[in-house]
């Protein structure tokens, strides 16, 4: 499903937030600084729609390898 930016979309996000990035048609799990970040902030490449939050420690994703399978469940 593709959608555009929704009200409340933003570039700077919090660790553990889940987002949909309409520009790149991608689902995002934010857990640390990105190439677009300034300082210690977590910044998406462009605005994302926030759709949820990780219920555990988002730093666990730092250990995930590229291409790792991630399972999402509604809390």
N, C-alpha and C. Protein backbone atom coordinates (compact mmCIF):
# COMPACT_ATOMS: atom_id res chain seq x y z
N UNK A 1 0.84 -1.18 0.00
CA UNK A 1 0.00 0.00 0.00
C UNK A 1 0.89 1.24 0.00
N UNK A 2 0.56 2.18 -0.84
CA UNK A 2 1.30 3.43 -0.88
C UNK A 2 0.41 4.54 -0.35
N UNK A 3 1.03 5.47 0.36
CA UNK A 3 0.30 6.61 0.91
C UNK A 3 1.23 7.81 0.92
N UNK A 4 0.68 8.98 1.04
CA UNK A 4 1.48 10.20 1.13
C UNK A 4 1.76 10.55 2.57
N UNK A 5 2.33 11.73 2.77
CA UNK A 5 2.60 12.21 4.12
C UNK A 5 1.29 12.53 4.83
N UNK A 6 1.23 12.18 6.09
CA UNK A 6 0.05 12.44 6.90
C UNK A 6 0.33 13.60 7.85
N UNK A 7 -0.72 14.16 8.42
CA UNK A 7 -0.55 15.22 9.41
C UNK A 7 0.29 14.68 10.56
N UNK A 8 1.27 15.43 10.99
CA UNK A 8 2.14 15.00 12.08
C UNK A 8 3.39 14.27 11.62
N UNK A 9 3.55 14.09 10.30
CA UNK A 9 4.77 13.45 9.82
C UNK A 9 5.96 14.35 10.16
N UNK A 10 7.14 13.72 10.32
CA UNK A 10 8.31 14.52 10.69
C UNK A 10 9.60 13.83 10.29
N UNK A 11 10.68 14.60 10.29
CA UNK A 11 12.00 14.08 9.96
C UNK A 11 12.75 13.60 11.20
N UNK A 12 12.68 14.34 12.29
CA UNK A 12 13.38 13.95 13.52
C UNK A 12 12.45 13.05 14.32
N UNK A 13 12.96 11.86 14.66
CA UNK A 13 12.16 10.85 15.34
C UNK A 13 12.86 10.39 16.62
N UNK A 14 12.18 9.56 17.39
CA UNK A 14 12.73 9.02 18.63
C UNK A 14 13.15 7.57 18.44
N UNK A 15 14.13 7.13 19.21
CA UNK A 15 14.55 5.73 19.17
C UNK A 15 13.35 4.84 19.49
N UNK A 16 13.17 3.83 18.67
CA UNK A 16 12.08 2.89 18.87
C UNK A 16 10.83 3.20 18.07
N UNK A 17 10.76 4.36 17.45
CA UNK A 17 9.58 4.67 16.65
C UNK A 17 9.63 3.91 15.33
N UNK A 18 8.45 3.54 14.86
CA UNK A 18 8.29 2.87 13.57
C UNK A 18 7.67 3.87 12.62
N UNK A 19 8.17 3.90 11.40
CA UNK A 19 7.64 4.87 10.46
C UNK A 19 7.47 4.31 9.07
N UNK A 20 6.60 4.96 8.31
CA UNK A 20 6.48 4.68 6.88
C UNK A 20 7.03 5.89 6.16
N UNK A 21 7.95 5.65 5.25
CA UNK A 21 8.61 6.71 4.48
C UNK A 21 8.02 6.72 3.09
N UNK A 22 7.03 7.60 2.83
CA UNK A 22 6.37 7.62 1.54
C UNK A 22 7.31 7.90 0.36
N UNK A 23 8.29 8.75 0.56
CA UNK A 23 9.21 9.09 -0.53
C UNK A 23 9.95 7.85 -1.05
N UNK A 24 10.36 6.99 -0.15
CA UNK A 24 11.10 5.79 -0.54
C UNK A 24 10.26 4.53 -0.54
N UNK A 25 8.96 4.67 -0.25
CA UNK A 25 8.04 3.52 -0.17
C UNK A 25 8.64 2.45 0.74
N UNK A 26 9.05 2.85 1.95
CA UNK A 26 9.74 1.95 2.85
C UNK A 26 9.23 2.04 4.28
N UNK A 27 9.32 0.92 4.98
CA UNK A 27 9.03 0.83 6.40
C UNK A 27 10.34 1.05 7.14
N UNK A 28 10.32 1.82 8.22
CA UNK A 28 11.55 2.16 8.94
C UNK A 28 11.42 1.85 10.42
N UNK A 29 12.51 1.29 10.98
CA UNK A 29 12.62 1.08 12.42
C UNK A 29 13.76 2.00 12.87
N UNK A 30 13.45 3.00 13.65
CA UNK A 30 14.48 3.96 14.05
C UNK A 30 15.08 3.56 15.39
N UNK A 31 16.41 3.39 15.41
CA UNK A 31 17.07 2.96 16.64
C UNK A 31 18.38 3.66 16.90
N UNK A 32 18.79 4.56 16.02
CA UNK A 32 20.03 5.29 16.23
C UNK A 32 20.24 6.30 15.12
N UNK A 33 21.31 7.07 15.22
CA UNK A 33 21.59 8.09 14.20
C UNK A 33 21.64 7.50 12.79
N UNK A 34 21.25 8.31 11.83
CA UNK A 34 21.25 7.93 10.41
C UNK A 34 22.25 8.83 9.68
N UNK A 35 22.51 8.55 8.41
CA UNK A 35 23.40 9.45 7.66
C UNK A 35 22.89 10.90 7.60
N UNK A 36 21.57 11.09 7.75
CA UNK A 36 21.00 12.44 7.71
C UNK A 36 21.01 13.13 9.08
N UNK A 37 21.36 12.40 10.13
CA UNK A 37 21.32 12.96 11.50
C UNK A 37 22.32 14.10 11.67
N UNK A 38 21.97 14.99 12.57
CA UNK A 38 22.85 16.09 12.98
C UNK A 38 23.11 15.90 14.47
N UNK A 39 24.33 15.62 14.82
CA UNK A 39 24.64 15.34 16.23
C UNK A 39 24.06 14.00 16.63
N UNK A 40 23.46 13.95 17.81
CA UNK A 40 22.92 12.69 18.33
C UNK A 40 21.46 12.44 17.96
N UNK A 41 20.85 13.34 17.21
CA UNK A 41 19.44 13.15 16.84
C UNK A 41 19.30 11.96 15.90
N UNK A 42 18.08 11.47 15.80
CA UNK A 42 17.73 10.45 14.83
C UNK A 42 16.89 11.15 13.77
N UNK A 43 17.41 11.23 12.56
CA UNK A 43 16.74 11.99 11.50
C UNK A 43 16.57 11.11 10.26
N UNK A 44 15.34 11.05 9.78
CA UNK A 44 15.06 10.34 8.53
C UNK A 44 15.55 11.19 7.36
N UNK A 45 15.71 10.57 6.21
CA UNK A 45 16.16 11.28 5.01
C UNK A 45 15.17 12.37 4.61
N UNK A 46 13.90 12.14 4.85
CA UNK A 46 12.84 13.13 4.69
C UNK A 46 11.69 12.68 5.59
N UNK A 47 10.63 13.45 5.64
CA UNK A 47 9.55 13.19 6.60
C UNK A 47 8.98 11.78 6.49
N UNK A 48 8.63 11.22 7.66
CA UNK A 48 8.02 9.90 7.74
C UNK A 48 6.72 10.00 8.53
N UNK A 49 5.81 9.07 8.26
CA UNK A 49 4.59 8.94 9.04
C UNK A 49 4.90 7.98 10.19
N UNK A 50 4.72 8.40 11.42
CA UNK A 50 4.96 7.54 12.57
C UNK A 50 3.76 6.62 12.71
N UNK A 51 4.03 5.30 12.75
CA UNK A 51 2.93 4.32 12.78
C UNK A 51 2.96 3.42 14.01
N UNK A 52 3.98 3.56 14.84
CA UNK A 52 4.03 2.72 16.03
C UNK A 52 5.34 2.90 16.77
N UNK A 53 5.57 1.99 17.73
CA UNK A 53 6.77 2.06 18.56
C UNK A 53 7.18 0.65 18.96
N UNK A 54 8.46 0.41 19.02
CA UNK A 54 9.00 -0.87 19.48
C UNK A 54 8.69 -1.02 20.96
N UNK A 55 8.22 -2.19 21.38
CA UNK A 55 7.87 -2.38 22.79
C UNK A 55 9.07 -2.74 23.65
N UNK A 56 10.15 -3.22 23.05
CA UNK A 56 11.36 -3.56 23.80
C UNK A 56 12.43 -2.52 23.62
N UNK A 57 13.66 -2.93 23.81
CA UNK A 57 14.81 -2.03 23.69
C UNK A 57 15.18 -1.87 22.22
N UNK A 58 15.02 -0.69 21.64
CA UNK A 58 15.34 -0.50 20.22
C UNK A 58 16.82 -0.69 19.91
N UNK A 59 17.69 -0.61 20.91
CA UNK A 59 19.12 -0.80 20.67
C UNK A 59 19.44 -2.22 20.25
N UNK A 60 18.51 -3.16 20.45
CA UNK A 60 18.72 -4.54 20.02
C UNK A 60 18.91 -4.61 18.50
N UNK A 61 18.35 -3.65 17.77
CA UNK A 61 18.50 -3.63 16.32
C UNK A 61 19.92 -3.30 15.87
N UNK A 62 20.73 -2.76 16.76
CA UNK A 62 22.12 -2.47 16.41
C UNK A 62 22.88 -3.77 16.11
N UNK A 63 22.42 -4.89 16.65
CA UNK A 63 23.07 -6.18 16.44
C UNK A 63 22.55 -6.91 15.21
N UNK A 64 21.46 -6.42 14.61
CA UNK A 64 20.87 -7.09 13.45
C UNK A 64 21.76 -6.92 12.22
N UNK A 65 21.87 -7.96 11.45
CA UNK A 65 22.65 -7.93 10.22
C UNK A 65 21.75 -7.46 9.07
N UNK A 66 22.34 -6.88 8.04
CA UNK A 66 21.58 -6.49 6.85
C UNK A 66 20.82 -7.70 6.32
N UNK A 67 19.57 -7.49 6.00
CA UNK A 67 18.74 -8.56 5.44
C UNK A 67 18.12 -9.48 6.49
N UNK A 68 18.35 -9.21 7.77
CA UNK A 68 17.77 -10.05 8.83
C UNK A 68 16.25 -9.96 8.79
N UNK A 69 15.59 -11.07 9.12
CA UNK A 69 14.14 -11.11 9.18
C UNK A 69 13.67 -10.50 10.48
N UNK A 70 12.67 -9.65 10.41
CA UNK A 70 12.08 -9.01 11.59
C UNK A 70 10.59 -9.30 11.56
N UNK A 71 10.05 -9.74 12.68
CA UNK A 71 8.63 -10.02 12.79
C UNK A 71 7.95 -8.93 13.60
N UNK A 72 6.85 -8.41 13.06
CA UNK A 72 6.08 -7.37 13.75
C UNK A 72 4.79 -7.98 14.24
N UNK A 73 4.43 -7.64 15.47
CA UNK A 73 3.17 -8.08 16.03
C UNK A 73 2.49 -6.89 16.68
N UNK A 74 1.18 -6.82 16.52
CA UNK A 74 0.41 -5.75 17.16
C UNK A 74 0.38 -6.01 18.65
N UNK A 75 0.70 -5.00 19.43
CA UNK A 75 0.71 -5.15 20.90
C UNK A 75 -0.68 -5.03 21.46
